[in-house]
PDB file of all heavy atoms in Angstrom:
ATOM      1  N   LEU A   1     221.756 -25.418  -8.312  1.00  0.00           N
ATOM      2  CA  LEU A   1     222.504 -25.640  -7.075  1.00  0.00           C
ATOM      3  C   LEU A   1     223.944 -26.050  -7.381  1.00  0.00           C
ATOM      4  O   LEU A   1     224.887 -25.578  -6.720  1.00  0.00           O
ATOM      5  CB  LEU A   1     221.812 -26.706  -6.237  1.00  0.00           C
ATOM      6  CG  LEU A   1     220.428 -26.319  -5.690  1.00  0.00           C
ATOM      7  CD1 LEU A   1     219.780 -27.506  -4.990  1.00  0.00           C
ATOM      8  CD2 LEU A   1     220.531 -25.129  -4.728  1.00  0.00           C
ATOM      9  N   ASN A   2     224.147 -26.890  -8.381  1.00  0.00           N
ATOM     10  CA  ASN A   2     225.507 -27.305  -8.713  1.00  0.00           C
ATOM     11  C   ASN A   2     226.325 -26.149  -9.274  1.00  0.00           C
ATOM     12  O   ASN A   2     227.547 -26.086  -9.048  1.00  0.00           O
ATOM     13  CB  ASN A   2     225.471 -28.468  -9.705  1.00  0.00           C
ATOM     14  CG  ASN A   2     225.149 -29.788  -9.025  1.00  0.00           C
ATOM     15  OD1 ASN A   2     225.382 -29.954  -7.831  1.00  0.00           O
ATOM     16  ND2 ASN A   2     224.599 -30.729  -9.777  1.00  0.00           N
ATOM     17  N   PHE A   3     225.695 -25.252  -9.995  1.00  0.00           N
ATOM     18  CA  PHE A   3     226.413 -24.070 -10.483  1.00  0.00           C
ATOM     19  C   PHE A   3     226.913 -23.234  -9.307  1.00  0.00           C
ATOM     20  O   PHE A   3     228.069 -22.778  -9.304  1.00  0.00           O
ATOM     21  CB  PHE A   3     225.498 -23.235 -11.378  1.00  0.00           C
ATOM     22  CG  PHE A   3     226.164 -22.002 -11.925  1.00  0.00           C
ATOM     23  CD1 PHE A   3     226.967 -22.079 -13.056  1.00  0.00           C
ATOM     24  CD2 PHE A   3     225.987 -20.763 -11.323  1.00  0.00           C
ATOM     25  CE1 PHE A   3     227.589 -20.942 -13.559  1.00  0.00           C
ATOM     26  CE2 PHE A   3     226.599 -19.629 -11.820  1.00  0.00           C
ATOM     27  CZ  PHE A   3     227.413 -19.717 -12.944  1.00  0.00           C
ATOM     28  N   LEU A   4     226.054 -23.049  -8.305  1.00  0.00           N
ATOM     29  CA  LEU A   4     226.471 -22.310  -7.109  1.00  0.00           C
ATOM     30  C   LEU A   4     227.596 -23.030  -6.383  1.00  0.00           C
ATOM     31  O   LEU A   4     228.580 -22.405  -5.955  1.00  0.00           O
ATOM     32  CB  LEU A   4     225.283 -22.123  -6.171  1.00  0.00           C
ATOM     33  CG  LEU A   4     224.246 -21.067  -6.563  1.00  0.00           C
ATOM     34  CD1 LEU A   4     223.055 -21.102  -5.610  1.00  0.00           C
ATOM     35  CD2 LEU A   4     224.879 -19.671  -6.557  1.00  0.00           C
ATOM     36  N   ILE A   5     227.462 -24.333  -6.225  1.00  0.00           N
ATOM     37  CA  ILE A   5     228.484 -25.111  -5.517  1.00  0.00           C
ATOM     38  C   ILE A   5     229.816 -25.047  -6.254  1.00  0.00           C
ATOM     39  O   ILE A   5     230.874 -24.817  -5.652  1.00  0.00           O
ATOM     40  CB  ILE A   5     228.009 -26.566  -5.345  1.00  0.00           C
ATOM     41  CG1 ILE A   5     226.836 -26.623  -4.367  1.00  0.00           C
ATOM     42  CG2 ILE A   5     229.157 -27.457  -4.883  1.00  0.00           C
ATOM     43  CD1 ILE A   5     226.117 -27.957  -4.332  1.00  0.00           C
ATOM     44  N   ASP A   6     229.790 -25.242  -7.564  1.00  0.00           N
ATOM     45  CA  ASP A   6     231.022 -25.272  -8.348  1.00  0.00           C
ATOM     46  C   ASP A   6     231.738 -23.927  -8.355  1.00  0.00           C
ATOM     47  O   ASP A   6     232.962 -23.877  -8.522  1.00  0.00           O
ATOM     48  CB  ASP A   6     230.722 -25.676  -9.800  1.00  0.00           C
ATOM     49  CG  ASP A   6     230.348 -27.150  -9.925  1.00  0.00           C
ATOM     50  OD1 ASP A   6     230.638 -27.920  -8.984  1.00  0.00           O
ATOM     51  OD2 ASP A   6     229.764 -27.523 -10.958  1.00  0.00           O
ATOM     52  N   ASN A   7     230.998 -22.840  -8.183  1.00  0.00           N
ATOM     53  CA  ASN A   7     231.592 -21.516  -8.334  1.00  0.00           C
ATOM     54  C   ASN A   7     231.744 -20.736  -7.032  1.00  0.00           C
ATOM     55  O   ASN A   7     232.309 -19.641  -7.048  1.00  0.00           O
ATOM     56  CB  ASN A   7     230.759 -20.693  -9.330  1.00  0.00           C
ATOM     57  CG  ASN A   7     230.901 -21.195 -10.743  1.00  0.00           C
ATOM     58  OD1 ASN A   7     231.902 -20.941 -11.407  1.00  0.00           O
ATOM     59  ND2 ASN A   7     229.906 -21.950 -11.210  1.00  0.00           N
ATOM     60  N   THR A   8     231.245 -21.282  -5.939  1.00  0.00           N
ATOM     61  CA  THR A   8     231.434 -20.599  -4.664  1.00  0.00           C
ATOM     62  C   THR A   8     232.083 -21.485  -3.606  1.00  0.00           C
ATOM     63  O   THR A   8     232.727 -20.972  -2.694  1.00  0.00           O
ATOM     64  CB  THR A   8     230.100 -20.075  -4.099  1.00  0.00           C
ATOM     65  OG1 THR A   8     229.189 -21.172  -3.927  1.00  0.00           O
ATOM     66  CG2 THR A   8     229.475 -19.055  -5.037  1.00  0.00           C
ATOM     67  N   ALA A   9     231.921 -22.788  -3.710  1.00  0.00           N
ATOM     68  CA  ALA A   9     232.506 -23.686  -2.706  1.00  0.00           C
ATOM     69  C   ALA A   9     232.921 -25.008  -3.328  1.00  0.00           C
ATOM     70  O   ALA A   9     232.519 -26.077  -2.868  1.00  0.00           O
ATOM     71  CB  ALA A   9     231.513 -23.912  -1.576  1.00  0.00           C
ATOM     72  N   PRO A  10     233.729 -24.965  -4.405  1.00  0.00           N
ATOM     73  CA  PRO A  10     234.121 -26.227  -5.055  1.00  0.00           C
ATOM     74  C   PRO A  10     234.937 -27.103  -4.111  1.00  0.00           C
ATOM     75  O   PRO A  10     235.867 -26.636  -3.457  1.00  0.00           O
ATOM     76  CB  PRO A  10     234.965 -25.751  -6.246  1.00  0.00           C
ATOM     77  CG  PRO A  10     235.449 -24.394  -5.857  1.00  0.00           C
ATOM     78  CD  PRO A  10     234.356 -23.788  -5.025  1.00  0.00           C
ATOM     79  N   GLY A  11     234.554 -28.374  -4.042  1.00  0.00           N
ATOM     80  CA  GLY A  11     235.260 -29.309  -3.185  1.00  0.00           C
ATOM     81  C   GLY A  11     234.876 -29.233  -1.721  1.00  0.00           C
ATOM     82  O   GLY A  11     235.295 -30.068  -0.923  1.00  0.00           O
ATOM     83  N   LYS A  12     234.058 -28.250  -1.361  1.00  0.00           N
ATOM     84  CA  LYS A  12     233.664 -28.076   0.040  1.00  0.00           C
ATOM     85  C   LYS A  12     232.225 -28.502   0.299  1.00  0.00           C
ATOM     86  O   LYS A  12     231.862 -28.792   1.429  1.00  0.00           O
ATOM     87  CB  LYS A  12     233.850 -26.624   0.461  1.00  0.00           C
ATOM     88  CG  LYS A  12     235.285 -26.132   0.351  1.00  0.00           C
ATOM     89  CD  LYS A  12     235.390 -24.653   0.720  1.00  0.00           C
ATOM     90  CE  LYS A  12     236.823 -24.157   0.547  1.00  0.00           C
ATOM     91  NZ  LYS A  12     236.942 -22.712   0.861  1.00  0.00           N
ATOM     92  N   VAL A  13     231.404 -28.480  -0.746  1.00  0.00           N
ATOM     93  CA  VAL A  13     229.993 -28.852  -0.631  1.00  0.00           C
ATOM     94  C   VAL A  13     229.717 -29.951  -1.652  1.00  0.00           C
ATOM     95  O   VAL A  13     230.123 -29.835  -2.818  1.00  0.00           O
ATOM     96  CB  VAL A  13     229.072 -27.643  -0.879  1.00  0.00           C
ATOM     97  CG1 VAL A  13     227.604 -28.066  -0.794  1.00  0.00           C
ATOM     98  CG2 VAL A  13     229.370 -26.519   0.121  1.00  0.00           C
ATOM     99  N   ALA A  14     229.039 -31.001  -1.214  1.00  0.00           N
ATOM    100  CA  ALA A  14     228.744 -32.114  -2.116  1.00  0.00           C
ATOM    101  C   ALA A  14     227.786 -31.684  -3.216  1.00  0.00           C
ATOM    102  O   ALA A  14     226.778 -31.020  -2.942  1.00  0.00           O
ATOM    103  CB  ALA A  14     228.136 -33.279  -1.332  1.00  0.00           C
ATOM    104  N   PRO A  15     228.067 -32.024  -4.471  1.00  0.00           N
ATOM    105  CA  PRO A  15     227.149 -31.660  -5.560  1.00  0.00           C
ATOM    106  C   PRO A  15     225.840 -32.440  -5.475  1.00  0.00           C
ATOM    107  O   PRO A  15     225.765 -33.504  -4.859  1.00  0.00           O
ATOM    108  CB  PRO A  15     227.930 -32.030  -6.827  1.00  0.00           C
ATOM    109  CG  PRO A  15     228.874 -33.106  -6.371  1.00  0.00           C
ATOM    110  CD  PRO A  15     229.246 -32.759  -4.961  1.00  0.00           C
ATOM    111  N   VAL A  16     224.816 -31.890  -6.103  1.00  0.00           N
ATOM    112  CA  VAL A  16     223.497 -32.524  -6.141  1.00  0.00           C
ATOM    113  C   VAL A  16     223.480 -33.538  -7.277  1.00  0.00           C
ATOM    114  O   VAL A  16     223.977 -33.268  -8.372  1.00  0.00           O
ATOM    115  CB  VAL A  16     222.397 -31.469  -6.336  1.00  0.00           C
ATOM    116  CG1 VAL A  16     221.014 -32.123  -6.370  1.00  0.00           C
ATOM    117  CG2 VAL A  16     222.454 -30.426  -5.224  1.00  0.00           C
ATOM    118  N   THR A  17     222.908 -34.694  -7.026  1.00  0.00           N
ATOM    119  CA  THR A  17     222.929 -35.776  -8.020  1.00  0.00           C
ATOM    120  C   THR A  17     221.537 -36.195  -8.489  1.00  0.00           C
ATOM    121  O   THR A  17     221.376 -37.248  -9.090  1.00  0.00           O
ATOM    122  CB  THR A  17     223.644 -37.014  -7.436  1.00  0.00           C
ATOM    123  OG1 THR A  17     222.945 -37.446  -6.258  1.00  0.00           O
ATOM    124  CG2 THR A  17     225.085 -36.695  -7.084  1.00  0.00           C
ATOM    125  N   LEU A  18     220.526 -35.362  -8.227  1.00  0.00           N
ATOM    126  CA  LEU A  18     219.148 -35.730  -8.566  1.00  0.00           C
ATOM    127  C   LEU A  18     218.830 -35.343 -10.010  1.00  0.00           C
ATOM    128  O   LEU A  18     218.447 -34.204 -10.290  1.00  0.00           O
ATOM    129  CB  LEU A  18     218.174 -35.050  -7.601  1.00  0.00           C
ATOM    130  CG  LEU A  18     218.328 -35.426  -6.123  1.00  0.00           C
ATOM    131  CD1 LEU A  18     217.319 -34.670  -5.278  1.00  0.00           C
ATOM    132  CD2 LEU A  18     218.164 -36.926  -5.936  1.00  0.00           C
ATOM    133  N   TYR A  19     218.975 -36.300 -10.912  1.00  0.00           N
ATOM    134  CA  TYR A  19     218.678 -36.090 -12.322  1.00  0.00           C
ATOM    135  C   TYR A  19     217.884 -37.292 -12.870  1.00  0.00           C
ATOM    136  O   TYR A  19     218.361 -37.996 -13.770  1.00  0.00           O
ATOM    137  CB  TYR A  19     219.957 -35.904 -13.139  1.00  0.00           C
ATOM    138  CG  TYR A  19     220.703 -34.624 -12.871  1.00  0.00           C
ATOM    139  CD1 TYR A  19     221.660 -34.553 -11.857  1.00  0.00           C
ATOM    140  CD2 TYR A  19     220.474 -33.482 -13.634  1.00  0.00           C
ATOM    141  CE1 TYR A  19     222.360 -33.384 -11.615  1.00  0.00           C
ATOM    142  CE2 TYR A  19     221.172 -32.311 -13.408  1.00  0.00           C
ATOM    143  CZ  TYR A  19     222.117 -32.259 -12.393  1.00  0.00           C
ATOM    144  OH  TYR A  19     222.810 -31.097 -12.145  1.00  0.00           O
ATOM    145  N   PRO A  20     216.703 -37.565 -12.355  1.00  0.00           N
ATOM    146  CA  PRO A  20     215.939 -38.700 -12.872  1.00  0.00           C
ATOM    147  C   PRO A  20     215.581 -38.497 -14.342  1.00  0.00           C
ATOM    148  O   PRO A  20     215.211 -37.394 -14.755  1.00  0.00           O
ATOM    149  CB  PRO A  20     214.694 -38.723 -11.983  1.00  0.00           C
ATOM    150  CG  PRO A  20     214.551 -37.311 -11.500  1.00  0.00           C
ATOM    151  CD  PRO A  20     215.951 -36.800 -11.335  1.00  0.00           C
ATOM    152  N   ARG A  21     215.694 -39.556 -15.125  1.00  0.00           N
ATOM    153  CA  ARG A  21     215.377 -39.479 -16.557  1.00  0.00           C
ATOM    154  C   ARG A  21     214.057 -40.152 -16.895  1.00  0.00           C
ATOM    155  O   ARG A  21     213.565 -40.020 -18.005  1.00  0.00           O
ATOM    156  CB  ARG A  21     216.497 -40.103 -17.386  1.00  0.00           C
ATOM    157  CG  ARG A  21     217.819 -39.353 -17.286  1.00  0.00           C
ATOM    158  CD  ARG A  21     218.865 -39.906 -18.229  1.00  0.00           C
ATOM    159  NE  ARG A  21     219.160 -41.307 -17.935  1.00  0.00           N
ATOM    160  CZ  ARG A  21     218.858 -42.314 -18.746  1.00  0.00           C
ATOM    161  NH1 ARG A  21     218.225 -42.084 -19.882  1.00  0.00           N
ATOM    162  NH2 ARG A  21     219.165 -43.548 -18.417  1.00  0.00           N
ATOM    163  N   ARG A  22     213.495 -40.888 -15.944  1.00  0.00           N
ATOM    164  CA  ARG A  22     212.196 -41.541 -16.140  1.00  0.00           C
ATOM    165  C   ARG A  22     211.434 -41.502 -14.828  1.00  0.00           C
ATOM    166  O   ARG A  22     212.006 -41.308 -13.751  1.00  0.00           O
ATOM    167  CB  ARG A  22     212.384 -42.977 -16.641  1.00  0.00           C
ATOM    168  CG  ARG A  22     213.251 -43.824 -15.751  1.00  0.00           C
ATOM    169  CD  ARG A  22     213.455 -45.216 -16.348  1.00  0.00           C
ATOM    170  NE  ARG A  22     214.242 -45.150 -17.566  1.00  0.00           N
ATOM    171  CZ  ARG A  22     215.562 -45.196 -17.585  1.00  0.00           C
ATOM    172  NH1 ARG A  22     216.240 -45.294 -16.446  1.00  0.00           N
ATOM    173  NH2 ARG A  22     216.216 -45.139 -18.712  1.00  0.00           N
ATOM    174  N   ILE A  23     210.117 -41.666 -14.917  1.00  0.00           N
ATOM    175  CA  ILE A  23     209.261 -41.547 -13.740  1.00  0.00           C
ATOM    176  C   ILE A  23     209.658 -42.542 -12.657  1.00  0.00           C
ATOM    177  O   ILE A  23     209.694 -42.213 -11.467  1.00  0.00           O
ATOM    178  CB  ILE A  23     207.783 -41.735 -14.135  1.00  0.00           C
ATOM    179  CG1 ILE A  23     207.325 -40.585 -15.052  1.00  0.00           C
ATOM    180  CG2 ILE A  23     206.896 -41.799 -12.896  1.00  0.00           C
ATOM    181  CD1 ILE A  23     207.400 -39.212 -14.423  1.00  0.00           C
ATOM    182  N   ALA A  24     209.995 -43.772 -13.047  1.00  0.00           N
ATOM    183  CA  ALA A  24     210.335 -44.792 -12.059  1.00  0.00           C
ATOM    184  C   ALA A  24     211.527 -44.392 -11.209  1.00  0.00           C
ATOM    185  O   ALA A  24     211.615 -44.766 -10.029  1.00  0.00           O
ATOM    186  CB  ALA A  24     210.604 -46.124 -12.757  1.00  0.00           C
ATOM    187  N   GLU A  25     212.440 -43.613 -11.763  1.00  0.00           N
ATOM    188  CA  GLU A  25     213.617 -43.197 -11.014  1.00  0.00           C
ATOM    189  C   GLU A  25     213.284 -42.208  -9.900  1.00  0.00           C
ATOM    190  O   GLU A  25     214.107 -41.975  -9.013  1.00  0.00           O
ATOM    191  CB  GLU A  25     214.662 -42.604 -11.959  1.00  0.00           C
ATOM    192  CG  GLU A  25     215.265 -43.631 -12.905  1.00  0.00           C
ATOM    193  CD  GLU A  25     216.268 -43.033 -13.869  1.00  0.00           C
ATOM    194  OE1 GLU A  25     216.559 -41.814 -13.762  1.00  0.00           O
ATOM    195  OE2 GLU A  25     216.770 -43.767 -14.743  1.00  0.00           O
ATOM    196  N   MET A  26     212.090 -41.637  -9.935  1.00  0.00           N
ATOM    197  CA  MET A  26     211.703 -40.715  -8.874  1.00  0.00           C
ATOM    198  C   MET A  26     211.360 -41.438  -7.576  1.00  0.00           C
ATOM    199  O   MET A  26     211.128 -40.794  -6.559  1.00  0.00           O
ATOM    200  CB  MET A  26     210.523 -39.839  -9.314  1.00  0.00           C
ATOM    201  CG  MET A  26     210.857 -38.857 -10.407  1.00  0.00           C
ATOM    202  SD  MET A  26     209.691 -37.491 -10.527  1.00  0.00           S
ATOM    203  CE  MET A  26     208.140 -38.366 -10.688  1.00  0.00           C
ATOM    204  N   ARG A  27     211.319 -42.754  -7.595  1.00  0.00           N
ATOM    205  CA  ARG A  27     211.136 -43.480  -6.335  1.00  0.00           C
ATOM    206  C   ARG A  27     212.339 -43.280  -5.429  1.00  0.00           C
ATOM    207  O   ARG A  27     212.208 -43.257  -4.207  1.00  0.00           O
ATOM    208  CB  ARG A  27     210.927 -44.972  -6.611  1.00  0.00           C
ATOM    209  CG  ARG A  27     209.624 -45.280  -7.321  1.00  0.00           C
ATOM    210  CD  ARG A  27     209.522 -46.761  -7.643  1.00  0.00           C
ATOM    211  NE  ARG A  27     208.317 -47.055  -8.417  1.00  0.00           N
ATOM    212  CZ  ARG A  27     208.041 -48.239  -8.952  1.00  0.00           C
ATOM    213  NH1 ARG A  27     208.906 -49.240  -8.784  1.00  0.00           N
ATOM    214  NH2 ARG A  27     206.937 -48.425  -9.647  1.00  0.00           N
ATOM    215  N   GLU A  28     213.522 -43.144  -6.046  1.00  0.00           N
ATOM    216  CA  GLU A  28     214.737 -42.884  -5.271  1.00  0.00           C
ATOM    217  C   GLU A  28     215.059 -41.389  -5.267  1.00  0.00           C
ATOM    218  O   GLU A  28     215.330 -40.820  -4.213  1.00  0.00           O
ATOM    219  CB  GLU A  28     215.913 -43.686  -5.851  1.00  0.00           C
ATOM    220  CG  GLU A  28     215.688 -45.198  -5.838  1.00  0.00           C
ATOM    221  CD  GLU A  28     215.495 -45.737  -4.436  1.00  0.00           C
ATOM    222  OE1 GLU A  28     216.090 -45.186  -3.488  1.00  0.00           O
ATOM    223  OE2 GLU A  28     214.746 -46.727  -4.279  1.00  0.00           O
ATOM    224  N   ALA A  29     215.058 -40.780  -6.457  1.00  0.00           N
ATOM    225  CA  ALA A  29     215.251 -39.326  -6.552  1.00  0.00           C
ATOM    226  C   ALA A  29     213.907 -38.655  -6.270  1.00  0.00           C
ATOM    227  O   ALA A  29     213.263 -38.102  -7.143  1.00  0.00           O
ATOM    228  CB  ALA A  29     215.768 -38.958  -7.947  1.00  0.00           C
ATOM    229  N   SER A  30     213.498 -38.712  -5.021  1.00  0.00           N
ATOM    230  CA  SER A  30     212.129 -38.342  -4.646  1.00  0.00           C
ATOM    231  C   SER A  30     211.968 -36.842  -4.463  1.00  0.00           C
ATOM    232  O   SER A  30     212.940 -36.089  -4.363  1.00  0.00           O
ATOM    233  CB  SER A  30     211.734 -39.061  -3.353  1.00  0.00           C
ATOM    234  OG  SER A  30     212.515 -38.574  -2.277  1.00  0.00           O
ATOM    235  N   PHE A  31     210.711 -36.416  -4.376  1.00  0.00           N
ATOM    236  CA  PHE A  31     210.427 -35.013  -4.093  1.00  0.00           C
ATOM    237  C   PHE A  31     210.940 -34.623  -2.711  1.00  0.00           C
ATOM    238  O   PHE A  31     211.383 -33.490  -2.498  1.00  0.00           O
ATOM    239  CB  PHE A  31     208.925 -34.741  -4.194  1.00  0.00           C
ATOM    240  CG  PHE A  31     208.428 -34.656  -5.604  1.00  0.00           C
ATOM    241  CD1 PHE A  31     207.812 -35.741  -6.208  1.00  0.00           C
ATOM    242  CD2 PHE A  31     208.573 -33.492  -6.339  1.00  0.00           C
ATOM    243  CE1 PHE A  31     207.353 -35.665  -7.513  1.00  0.00           C
ATOM    244  CE2 PHE A  31     208.119 -33.400  -7.641  1.00  0.00           C
ATOM    245  CZ  PHE A  31     207.507 -34.495  -8.239  1.00  0.00           C
ATOM    246  N   VAL A  32     210.883 -35.538  -1.760  1.00  0.00           N
ATOM    247  CA  VAL A  32     211.399 -35.258  -0.420  1.00  0.00           C
ATOM    248  C   VAL A  32     212.900 -35.022  -0.476  1.00  0.00           C
ATOM    249  O   VAL A  32     213.421 -34.048   0.087  1.00  0.00           O
ATOM    250  CB  VAL A  32     211.063 -36.415   0.543  1.00  0.00           C
ATOM    251  CG1 VAL A  32     211.705 -36.176   1.911  1.00  0.00           C
ATOM    252  CG2 VAL A  32     209.550 -36.570   0.691  1.00  0.00           C
ATOM    253  N   GLU A  33     213.622 -35.893  -1.178  1.00  0.00           N
ATOM    254  CA  GLU A  33     215.066 -35.722  -1.301  1.00  0.00           C
ATOM    255  C   GLU A  33     215.392 -34.475  -2.119  1.00  0.00           C
ATOM    256  O   GLU A  33     216.412 -33.810  -1.870  1.00  0.00           O
ATOM    257  CB  GLU A  33     215.678 -36.957  -1.958  1.00  0.00           C
ATOM    258  CG  GLU A  33     217.186 -36.896  -2.151  1.00  0.00           C
ATOM    259  CD  GLU A  33     217.949 -36.616  -0.859  1.00  0.00           C
ATOM    260  OE1 GLU A  33     217.452 -36.971   0.236  1.00  0.00           O
ATOM    261  OE2 GLU A  33     219.053 -36.028  -0.956  1.00  0.00           O
ATOM    262  N   HIS A  34     214.550 -34.147  -3.073  1.00  0.00           N
ATOM    263  CA  HIS A  34     214.697 -32.925  -3.862  1.00  0.00           C
ATOM    264  C   HIS A  34     214.704 -31.709  -2.940  1.00  0.00           C
ATOM    265  O   HIS A  34     215.564 -30.819  -3.055  1.00  0.00           O
ATOM    266  CB  HIS A  34     213.540 -32.857  -4.867  1.00  0.00           C
ATOM    267  CG  HIS A  34     213.473 -31.601  -5.667  1.00  0.00           C
ATOM    268  ND1 HIS A  34     214.361 -31.292  -6.667  1.00  0.00           N
ATOM    269  CD2 HIS A  34     212.587 -30.574  -5.625  1.00  0.00           C
ATOM    270  CE1 HIS A  34     214.037 -30.140  -7.214  1.00  0.00           C
ATOM    271  NE2 HIS A  34     212.969 -29.670  -6.600  1.00  0.00           N
ATOM    272  N   ASP A  35     213.772 -31.655  -2.001  1.00  0.00           N
ATOM    273  CA  ASP A  35     213.720 -30.555  -1.038  1.00  0.00           C
ATOM    274  C   ASP A  35     214.926 -30.581  -0.105  1.00  0.00           C
ATOM    275  O   ASP A  35     215.537 -29.537   0.168  1.00  0.00           O
ATOM    276  CB  ASP A  35     212.435 -30.632  -0.214  1.00  0.00           C
ATOM    277  CG  ASP A  35     211.188 -30.341  -1.023  1.00  0.00           C
ATOM    278  OD1 ASP A  35     211.300 -29.646  -2.052  1.00  0.00           O
ATOM    279  OD2 ASP A  35     210.101 -30.818  -0.633  1.00  0.00           O
ATOM    280  N   GLN A  36     215.266 -31.759   0.390  1.00  0.00           N
ATOM    281  CA  GLN A  36     216.371 -31.859   1.339  1.00  0.00           C
ATOM    282  C   GLN A  36     217.701 -31.464   0.695  1.00  0.00           C
ATOM    283  O   GLN A  36     218.566 -30.872   1.353  1.00  0.00           O
ATOM    284  CB  GLN A  36     216.447 -33.281   1.905  1.00  0.00           C
ATOM    285  CG  GLN A  36     215.256 -33.678   2.755  1.00  0.00           C
ATOM    286  CD  GLN A  36     215.027 -32.735   3.917  1.00  0.00           C
ATOM    287  OE1 GLN A  36     215.957 -32.383   4.639  1.00  0.00           O
ATOM    288  NE2 GLN A  36     213.775 -32.328   4.107  1.00  0.00           N
ATOM    289  N   ALA A  37     217.896 -31.801  -0.575  1.00  0.00           N
ATOM    290  CA  ALA A  37     219.121 -31.402  -1.277  1.00  0.00           C
ATOM    291  C   ALA A  37     219.223 -29.882  -1.355  1.00  0.00           C
ATOM    292  O   ALA A  37     220.318 -29.308  -1.201  1.00  0.00           O
ATOM    293  CB  ALA A  37     219.141 -32.015  -2.677  1.00  0.00           C
ATOM    294  N   LEU A  38     218.101 -29.228  -1.596  1.00  0.00           N
ATOM    295  CA  LEU A  38     218.081 -27.764  -1.614  1.00  0.00           C
ATOM    296  C   LEU A  38     218.488 -27.208  -0.258  1.00  0.00           C
ATOM    297  O   LEU A  38     219.349 -26.322  -0.168  1.00  0.00           O
ATOM    298  CB  LEU A  38     216.681 -27.286  -1.997  1.00  0.00           C
ATOM    299  CG  LEU A  38     216.387 -25.791  -1.789  1.00  0.00           C
ATOM    300  CD1 LEU A  38     217.274 -24.942  -2.690  1.00  0.00           C
ATOM    301  CD2 LEU A  38     214.914 -25.503  -2.041  1.00  0.00           C
ATOM    302  N   PHE A  39     217.878 -27.712   0.800  1.00  0.00           N
ATOM    303  CA  PHE A  39     218.158 -27.183   2.133  1.00  0.00           C
ATOM    304  C   PHE A  39     219.608 -27.430   2.530  1.00  0.00           C
ATOM    305  O   PHE A  39     220.270 -26.551   3.096  1.00  0.00           O
ATOM    306  CB  PHE A  39     217.215 -27.805   3.158  1.00  0.00           C
ATOM    307  CG  PHE A  39     215.751 -27.612   2.852  1.00  0.00           C
ATOM    308  CD1 PHE A  39     214.804 -28.554   3.243  1.00  0.00           C
ATOM    309  CD2 PHE A  39     215.311 -26.496   2.157  1.00  0.00           C
ATOM    310  CE1 PHE A  39     213.472 -28.378   2.969  1.00  0.00           C
ATOM    311  CE2 PHE A  39     213.969 -26.311   1.860  1.00  0.00           C
ATOM    312  CZ  PHE A  39     213.044 -27.260   2.271  1.00  0.00           C
ATOM    313  N   ARG A  40     220.117 -28.632   2.244  1.00  0.00           N
ATOM    314  CA  ARG A  40     221.508 -28.945   2.584  1.00  0.00           C
ATOM    315  C   ARG A  40     222.472 -28.032   1.835  1.00  0.00           C
ATOM    316  O   ARG A  40     223.462 -27.550   2.406  1.00  0.00           O
ATOM    317  CB  ARG A  40     221.825 -30.410   2.252  1.00  0.00           C
ATOM    318  CG  ARG A  40     221.217 -31.427   3.201  1.00  0.00           C
ATOM    319  CD  ARG A  40     221.883 -32.793   3.022  1.00  0.00           C
ATOM    320  NE  ARG A  40     221.739 -33.302   1.662  1.00  0.00           N
ATOM    321  CZ  ARG A  40     220.774 -34.103   1.257  1.00  0.00           C
ATOM    322  NH1 ARG A  40     219.817 -34.475   2.095  1.00  0.00           N
ATOM    323  NH2 ARG A  40     220.735 -34.531   0.021  1.00  0.00           N
ATOM    324  N   SER A  41     222.190 -27.785   0.565  1.00  0.00           N
ATOM    325  CA  SER A  41     223.089 -26.963  -0.244  1.00  0.00           C
ATOM    326  C   SER A  41     223.113 -25.523   0.250  1.00  0.00           C
ATOM    327  O   SER A  41     224.190 -24.925   0.401  1.00  0.00           O
ATOM    328  CB  SER A  41     222.665 -27.010  -1.718  1.00  0.00           C
ATOM    329  OG  SER A  41     222.739 -28.327  -2.231  1.00  0.00           O
TER     330      SER A  41
END
């Protein structure tokens, strides 16, 4: 998604920031937010 944003609408669409590095971080970077980030992008 960030590749698409950077190369088709840089500065116009907010980049995706969901990069959890451990399981505990998925409480915030959740599967629900994962889906919503896709739809928003």
